[in-house]
Amino acid sequence: MSIIHEDLEPGVIDTTMIMKALEEERPAGEEGRLVDEEGIVLQEIIRLRLEFLNILKIDHLWMMTSLVKLHLGNNMIEKIEGLSFLANLKELDLSFNNIEIIENLEVLVKLEVLTLFENRISKLENMETLVNLMIFSIGNNQIEDRNDVIYLRQFSHLYSLNMAGNPCVCNGNRDFRVYICAFLPKLTYYEYRIISAEERAIAEGSYKDILQQLEETEEKKRQTREDAEARTMELARHTEAFVENLDGDQLFSAMFTNDTDSKALFTMGDVATDVYNKFHDEAMNVIRQLFKVGLEQHEIRQEEIRQYYQCVDAAKEMNTVSCQQYTENFLERKAEIFLKIRNILKSIQDLLDMEESAAQVEYVARVQILSDQFNKECQTAWYELMAQELTLYEQLEEVNGSFQQNMTNLVSAFIKAAQSFFVQIRNLEASYSEELSEVAHAYLTNLNAGTVLAVPELKQIMLNKESLNSAITQSHDTHIQTIDSREDELVTRIRKWVESYCDQIATGEVQRSRQRVIEINHFLDIQREQFEDLQTLLLNAMASLLPSEEQHSETEQKPEPQTAVPQPLARDSKDAPTNAVLSKTSTTDATADVNSAVEPETKGENKKPADWTVNKISALQKV
């Protein structure tokens, strides 16, 4: 079994053990240096190897949610546990341990490789959720029944299996490989040897009759499973339409589930039964109409939702294309400016090589023009992209308002129709109660006259008229309560749904717009930083043309850098815009706030910020 190291105390996986293992596997070179600088983030680790550590229990892996490969071989682990947070795991190695039961693998739906070699497992079980299993090693365990192989037929992706060293293989079952080939038709490798087509054909011929029976049984189970899944999907559709359990007599039966008095009154004879059957048929007719209208209204709402998203997606696509085109044009103009600046830089370097400085005034003027041009391009790009985002926001706000109104109207129409059906059901129930009451009073009269004999179920009800009326009233109230409860459930749920659905759409649009504004500002920040880096090189080169005293004078006059891109949006501590476009306010307020941002000169505020590059050039001109 597992390898025991006398110099290590048996223990539990803890954070210290994990960090030590990760440190030992730290990559070398530049990658290792970057890991040291950034530190180890457990949530980002994708591979972990803890082997030959005398581990008794799996623990402290809940933070490692990104883990893809986990190797815990050659330890003393007795139970599979502590893996419930590793939903991304694809490879799990638990070989050479003391595990007796396969368990607690439900979350590992992405698992592709499972190695349980050299353990104490006696049965294949609890693996149903491993739908992506491809490689399975269960050799050197204690599986005695070779029919456990049938359990593996459910794994359609399994292509490699190893069961060598189990009692079912060793106890005189020389044809075990043939058995494997016959009953696992999708398997490609057994014990790491490929299964040939001829070998499989011979195996299937050897177990032809058993295979036929097995396949018939599996087909029945498959059909049963598919029927159950179809019913589940159908129920989900009915639930979305808010008419679940109205496709049969569930509502009608619910009225009589706890109504013992009505059940007793049915023993009065055929007349009472006829009254019940009449009520059943009439009520079911109305319930079926309610169910049909519910599904029809659900389809109308779904079509409204489809049209809404089609409209929204089209608007977003147009906005994306427009912004991309403008951004590409902006980057082309930026590239032209950068090329001109690089040409100036090259010219200055040529002058430095020739120790000449006569053309410095000309270069200063050219740099001044290019700097102004770039600042203007950045301002225009910011205004244009923000204006396009504002336009999209206003369009979607209008569409969202229309959608909410339409959905509210559709829901109101369905509620009105549904309530009319429930009214019909209540009226039918009232008629039923009246007819049953007449039959019951006639029966009581005959009972008192001695023309009929009371059955035991009716003795408490037929004591007198008061007890009979009380029983009929109680039955009526029970039925009405059931009907009212189902109606209240339908109305309450659909109203909450439409409110929540529309709120989610509105909230999602605010978040989308907020993210878009952040992207615009971030994009222009990057352009500005790139321009500043290039300008710094250029200005340093130009300053080198000046005498040393003049360079010192220019350095003293150099102001602090300022942004070249307009920043009319207020920012919080996380540099996130808080413009009204992103707040959940009316379109009028959002438009007013953004207009104040994109038209600063007309408002008398947010004047164009001074450019630090221009200040530097002015300093050079003064020198």
Foldseek 3Di string as FASTA:
>chain_A
DFDADPVADEEADDPVLQVVQCVVVQDDDPSSVVCVVVDDQQCQDAEGADANRQYAYYEDSLSNQNHAEYHYDRHAYAEDDHCQSNLNYAEYAHDRYAYADDEDCQSPLNHAYYHHHQYAYAADDHCLSVQNHAEYEHAQYAHQDLCSLLVVQNRQNHAEYEHHNYNNPPVPPVCSVLVNLQRNVNHQYYPNHGQDPVSSVVSCVVCVVVVVVVVVVVVVVVVVVVVVVVVVVVQVLLVLLLLHPLQDCSLVVQLCPPQLLLVQLCVLDDLLVVLVVVLSVQLNVLSNVLSVVSSVLSVVLVVLVVVLVVVLVVLVVVLVVVLVVLVVVLVVVLVVLLVVLVVLLVVLVVCVVVLDQPCLVVSLVVVLVSLVVNLVSQQVSLLVNVVSLLVSLVVSVVSLVVSLVVLVVSLVVSLVVNVVSLVVSLVSLVVSLVSSLVVVVVSLVCVVVVVDPRDPSCPQQSPDPVSVVVSSVVSSVSSNVSSVVSSVSSSVVSVVVSVVVSVVSLLVSLVVSQVSSVVSVVVSVVSQVVVVVSLVSSLVSSLVSDPPVLSVQLVVQQDDADTSHQDLFDADPVRGGPQCSNPSDDSVRNVVRVVCVSPVVVVVDSPRDDGSSSSSSVSVVVD
